[in-house]
């Protein structure tokens, strides 16, 4: 277990091997979350759009699903009238 001491401003130094492992560089952004009784630091990508590219691959399009649903409703309405 590694420890870090907080400064008077509440700052800490993240050990170099941990920064290297998660890709933190000077100026990197991290999300700071309070999770129950501990703090989580989550590195944020430099380019969030690029990081999400391909993440929805293989999933059905929401637009396609809504169009199909709409067509079904239109057919049902036509049968009723």
N, C-alpha and C. Protein backbone atom coordinates (compact mmCIF):
# COMPACT_ATOMS: atom_id res chain seq x y z
N UNK A 1 0.85 -1.18 0.00
CA UNK A 1 0.00 0.00 0.00
C UNK A 1 0.89 1.24 0.00
N UNK A 2 0.55 2.18 -0.85
CA UNK A 2 1.28 3.44 -0.87
C UNK A 2 0.44 4.51 -0.20
N UNK A 3 1.11 5.47 0.38
CA UNK A 3 0.41 6.57 1.01
C UNK A 3 0.87 7.89 0.39
N UNK A 4 0.06 8.90 0.55
CA UNK A 4 0.41 10.25 0.10
C UNK A 4 -0.07 11.21 1.17
N UNK A 5 0.67 12.28 1.37
CA UNK A 5 0.31 13.26 2.38
C UNK A 5 -0.36 14.45 1.69
N UNK A 6 -1.43 14.95 2.27
CA UNK A 6 -2.09 16.12 1.70
C UNK A 6 -1.35 17.38 2.12
N UNK A 7 -1.32 18.33 1.18
CA UNK A 7 -0.70 19.63 1.50
C UNK A 7 -1.73 20.49 2.22
N UNK A 8 -1.33 21.69 2.60
CA UNK A 8 -2.26 22.60 3.28
C UNK A 8 -3.41 23.00 2.35
N UNK A 9 -3.21 22.85 1.04
CA UNK A 9 -4.26 23.17 0.06
C UNK A 9 -5.09 21.93 -0.31
N UNK A 10 -4.82 20.80 0.33
CA UNK A 10 -5.56 19.58 0.03
C UNK A 10 -5.03 18.82 -1.18
N UNK A 11 -3.84 19.19 -1.66
CA UNK A 11 -3.26 18.54 -2.82
C UNK A 11 -2.48 17.29 -2.42
N UNK A 12 -2.44 16.31 -3.34
CA UNK A 12 -1.62 15.13 -3.13
C UNK A 12 -0.80 14.88 -4.39
N UNK A 13 0.25 14.10 -4.24
CA UNK A 13 1.05 13.68 -5.39
C UNK A 13 0.72 12.22 -5.65
N UNK A 14 0.26 11.93 -6.89
CA UNK A 14 -0.03 10.55 -7.27
C UNK A 14 1.31 9.92 -7.67
N UNK A 15 1.66 8.78 -7.09
CA UNK A 15 2.94 8.15 -7.41
C UNK A 15 3.13 7.95 -8.92
N UNK A 16 4.37 8.12 -9.38
CA UNK A 16 4.69 8.09 -10.80
C UNK A 16 4.26 6.80 -11.47
N UNK A 17 4.50 5.65 -10.86
CA UNK A 17 4.14 4.40 -11.53
C UNK A 17 2.62 4.29 -11.74
N UNK A 18 1.84 4.88 -10.86
CA UNK A 18 0.38 4.88 -11.02
C UNK A 18 -0.02 5.85 -12.13
N UNK A 19 0.59 7.05 -12.14
CA UNK A 19 0.32 8.02 -13.22
C UNK A 19 0.65 7.42 -14.57
N UNK A 20 1.78 6.74 -14.65
CA UNK A 20 2.19 6.12 -15.92
C UNK A 20 1.21 5.03 -16.34
N UNK A 21 0.77 4.22 -15.39
CA UNK A 21 -0.13 3.10 -15.70
C UNK A 21 -1.47 3.57 -16.25
N UNK A 22 -1.99 4.67 -15.73
CA UNK A 22 -3.30 5.17 -16.19
C UNK A 22 -3.18 6.29 -17.22
N UNK A 23 -1.94 6.66 -17.55
CA UNK A 23 -1.73 7.65 -18.61
C UNK A 23 -1.93 9.10 -18.20
N UNK A 24 -1.74 9.41 -16.93
CA UNK A 24 -1.87 10.80 -16.49
C UNK A 24 -0.62 11.58 -16.84
N UNK A 25 -0.81 12.73 -17.44
CA UNK A 25 0.29 13.62 -17.80
C UNK A 25 0.02 14.97 -17.15
N UNK A 26 1.01 15.86 -17.09
CA UNK A 26 0.74 17.19 -16.53
C UNK A 26 -0.42 17.86 -17.27
N UNK A 27 -1.38 18.35 -16.53
CA UNK A 27 -2.55 19.01 -17.13
C UNK A 27 -3.71 18.07 -17.41
N UNK A 28 -3.54 16.77 -17.19
CA UNK A 28 -4.63 15.81 -17.41
C UNK A 28 -5.80 16.11 -16.47
N UNK A 29 -6.99 15.85 -16.94
CA UNK A 29 -8.18 16.01 -16.09
C UNK A 29 -8.54 14.67 -15.45
N UNK A 30 -8.99 14.74 -14.21
CA UNK A 30 -9.51 13.55 -13.52
C UNK A 30 -10.84 13.91 -12.89
N UNK A 31 -11.73 12.94 -12.89
CA UNK A 31 -13.00 13.11 -12.18
C UNK A 31 -12.76 12.68 -10.74
N UNK A 32 -13.26 13.48 -9.80
CA UNK A 32 -13.10 13.17 -8.38
C UNK A 32 -14.48 12.82 -7.84
N UNK A 33 -14.61 11.59 -7.34
CA UNK A 33 -15.91 11.12 -6.85
C UNK A 33 -15.79 10.67 -5.40
N UNK A 34 -16.82 10.97 -4.64
CA UNK A 34 -16.93 10.44 -3.29
C UNK A 34 -17.79 9.18 -3.39
N UNK A 35 -17.20 8.05 -3.05
CA UNK A 35 -17.90 6.77 -3.14
C UNK A 35 -17.92 6.15 -1.75
N UNK A 36 -19.09 6.19 -1.13
CA UNK A 36 -19.24 5.74 0.25
C UNK A 36 -18.26 6.50 1.14
N UNK A 37 -17.27 5.84 1.66
CA UNK A 37 -16.34 6.48 2.58
C UNK A 37 -14.94 6.66 1.98
N UNK A 38 -14.83 6.58 0.63
CA UNK A 38 -13.52 6.76 0.02
C UNK A 38 -13.63 7.68 -1.21
N UNK A 39 -12.50 8.11 -1.70
CA UNK A 39 -12.42 9.01 -2.85
C UNK A 39 -11.92 8.22 -4.05
N UNK A 40 -12.56 8.42 -5.21
CA UNK A 40 -12.11 7.79 -6.45
C UNK A 40 -11.63 8.88 -7.40
N UNK A 41 -10.49 8.64 -8.03
CA UNK A 41 -9.97 9.52 -9.06
C UNK A 41 -10.06 8.76 -10.38
N UNK A 42 -10.79 9.31 -11.34
CA UNK A 42 -11.00 8.64 -12.62
C UNK A 42 -10.41 9.51 -13.73
N UNK A 43 -9.35 9.00 -14.40
CA UNK A 43 -8.75 9.78 -15.48
C UNK A 43 -9.76 10.00 -16.61
N UNK A 44 -9.81 11.22 -17.12
CA UNK A 44 -10.70 11.54 -18.23
C UNK A 44 -9.88 11.59 -19.51
N UNK A 45 -10.47 11.14 -20.63
CA UNK A 45 -9.73 11.15 -21.89
C UNK A 45 -9.48 12.58 -22.37
N UNK A 46 -8.35 12.75 -23.09
CA UNK A 46 -8.04 14.07 -23.63
C UNK A 46 -9.10 14.50 -24.64
N UNK A 47 -9.56 13.56 -25.46
CA UNK A 47 -10.59 13.85 -26.47
C UNK A 47 -11.77 12.91 -26.21
N UNK A 48 -12.79 13.38 -25.48
CA UNK A 48 -13.90 12.49 -25.11
C UNK A 48 -14.67 11.95 -26.32
N UNK A 49 -14.75 12.72 -27.39
CA UNK A 49 -15.46 12.25 -28.58
C UNK A 49 -14.69 11.08 -29.19
N UNK A 50 -13.39 11.22 -29.32
CA UNK A 50 -12.56 10.16 -29.89
C UNK A 50 -12.62 8.91 -29.00
N UNK A 51 -12.66 9.10 -27.69
CA UNK A 51 -12.70 7.97 -26.76
C UNK A 51 -13.99 7.18 -26.90
N UNK A 52 -15.08 7.83 -27.28
CA UNK A 52 -16.38 7.15 -27.42
C UNK A 52 -16.57 6.52 -28.79
N UNK A 53 -15.72 6.88 -29.75
CA UNK A 53 -15.87 6.36 -31.10
C UNK A 53 -15.88 4.84 -31.09
N UNK A 54 -16.92 4.26 -31.70
CA UNK A 54 -17.03 2.81 -31.79
C UNK A 54 -17.69 2.15 -30.60
N UNK A 55 -18.01 2.90 -29.56
CA UNK A 55 -18.58 2.29 -28.36
C UNK A 55 -20.00 1.77 -28.57
N UNK A 56 -20.69 2.25 -29.59
CA UNK A 56 -22.06 1.79 -29.85
C UNK A 56 -22.12 0.78 -30.99
N UNK A 57 -20.96 0.39 -31.50
CA UNK A 57 -20.89 -0.54 -32.62
C UNK A 57 -21.59 -1.84 -32.25
N UNK A 58 -22.37 -2.35 -33.19
CA UNK A 58 -23.05 -3.62 -32.96
C UNK A 58 -24.40 -3.49 -32.28
N UNK A 59 -24.75 -2.31 -31.85
CA UNK A 59 -26.05 -2.10 -31.22
C UNK A 59 -27.05 -1.62 -32.25
N UNK A 60 -28.32 -1.93 -32.01
CA UNK A 60 -29.36 -1.47 -32.92
C UNK A 60 -29.54 0.03 -32.75
N UNK A 61 -29.78 0.69 -33.85
CA UNK A 61 -29.98 2.13 -33.85
C UNK A 61 -31.30 2.48 -33.17
N UNK A 62 -31.27 3.45 -32.30
CA UNK A 62 -32.48 3.91 -31.64
C UNK A 62 -33.44 4.49 -32.67
N UNK A 63 -32.90 5.22 -33.64
CA UNK A 63 -33.73 5.81 -34.69
C UNK A 63 -34.47 4.70 -35.45
N UNK A 64 -33.78 3.63 -35.79
CA UNK A 64 -34.41 2.51 -36.52
C UNK A 64 -35.53 1.90 -35.69
N UNK A 65 -35.27 1.71 -34.41
CA UNK A 65 -36.29 1.13 -33.53
C UNK A 65 -37.51 2.03 -33.45
N UNK A 66 -37.31 3.34 -33.34
CA UNK A 66 -38.44 4.27 -33.25
C UNK A 66 -39.24 4.31 -34.55
N UNK A 67 -38.56 4.24 -35.68
CA UNK A 67 -39.25 4.23 -36.97
C UNK A 67 -40.11 2.97 -37.09
N UNK A 68 -39.58 1.81 -36.73
CA UNK A 68 -40.35 0.56 -36.78
C UNK A 68 -41.57 0.64 -35.87
N UNK A 69 -41.36 1.17 -34.66
CA UNK A 69 -42.47 1.30 -33.71
C UNK A 69 -43.55 2.22 -34.27
N UNK A 70 -43.13 3.32 -34.87
CA UNK A 70 -44.08 4.27 -35.45
C UNK A 70 -44.87 3.61 -36.57
N UNK A 71 -44.20 2.87 -37.44
CA UNK A 71 -44.89 2.19 -38.55
C UNK A 71 -45.91 1.19 -38.02
N UNK A 72 -45.56 0.45 -36.96
CA UNK A 72 -46.51 -0.49 -36.35
C UNK A 72 -47.75 0.23 -35.84
N UNK A 73 -47.54 1.36 -35.18
CA UNK A 73 -48.67 2.14 -34.65
C UNK A 73 -49.56 2.66 -35.78
N UNK A 74 -48.94 3.12 -36.86
CA UNK A 74 -49.71 3.63 -38.01
C UNK A 74 -50.55 2.50 -38.60
N UNK A 75 -49.98 1.29 -38.74
CA UNK A 75 -50.72 0.15 -39.28
C UNK A 75 -51.89 -0.21 -38.37
N UNK A 76 -51.65 -0.21 -37.06
CA UNK A 76 -52.71 -0.54 -36.11
C UNK A 76 -53.84 0.48 -36.19
N UNK A 77 -53.50 1.77 -36.31
CA UNK A 77 -54.51 2.82 -36.43
C UNK A 77 -55.30 2.65 -37.71
N UNK A 78 -54.64 2.27 -38.82
CA UNK A 78 -55.30 2.09 -40.10
C UNK A 78 -56.29 0.94 -40.02
N UNK A 79 -55.97 -0.12 -39.30
CA UNK A 79 -56.87 -1.28 -39.16
C UNK A 79 -58.11 -0.90 -38.36
N UNK A 80 -57.96 -0.02 -37.39
CA UNK A 80 -59.08 0.37 -36.53
C UNK A 80 -60.10 1.22 -37.29
N UNK A 81 -59.63 1.97 -38.30
CA UNK A 81 -60.53 2.89 -39.01
C UNK A 81 -61.01 2.33 -40.28
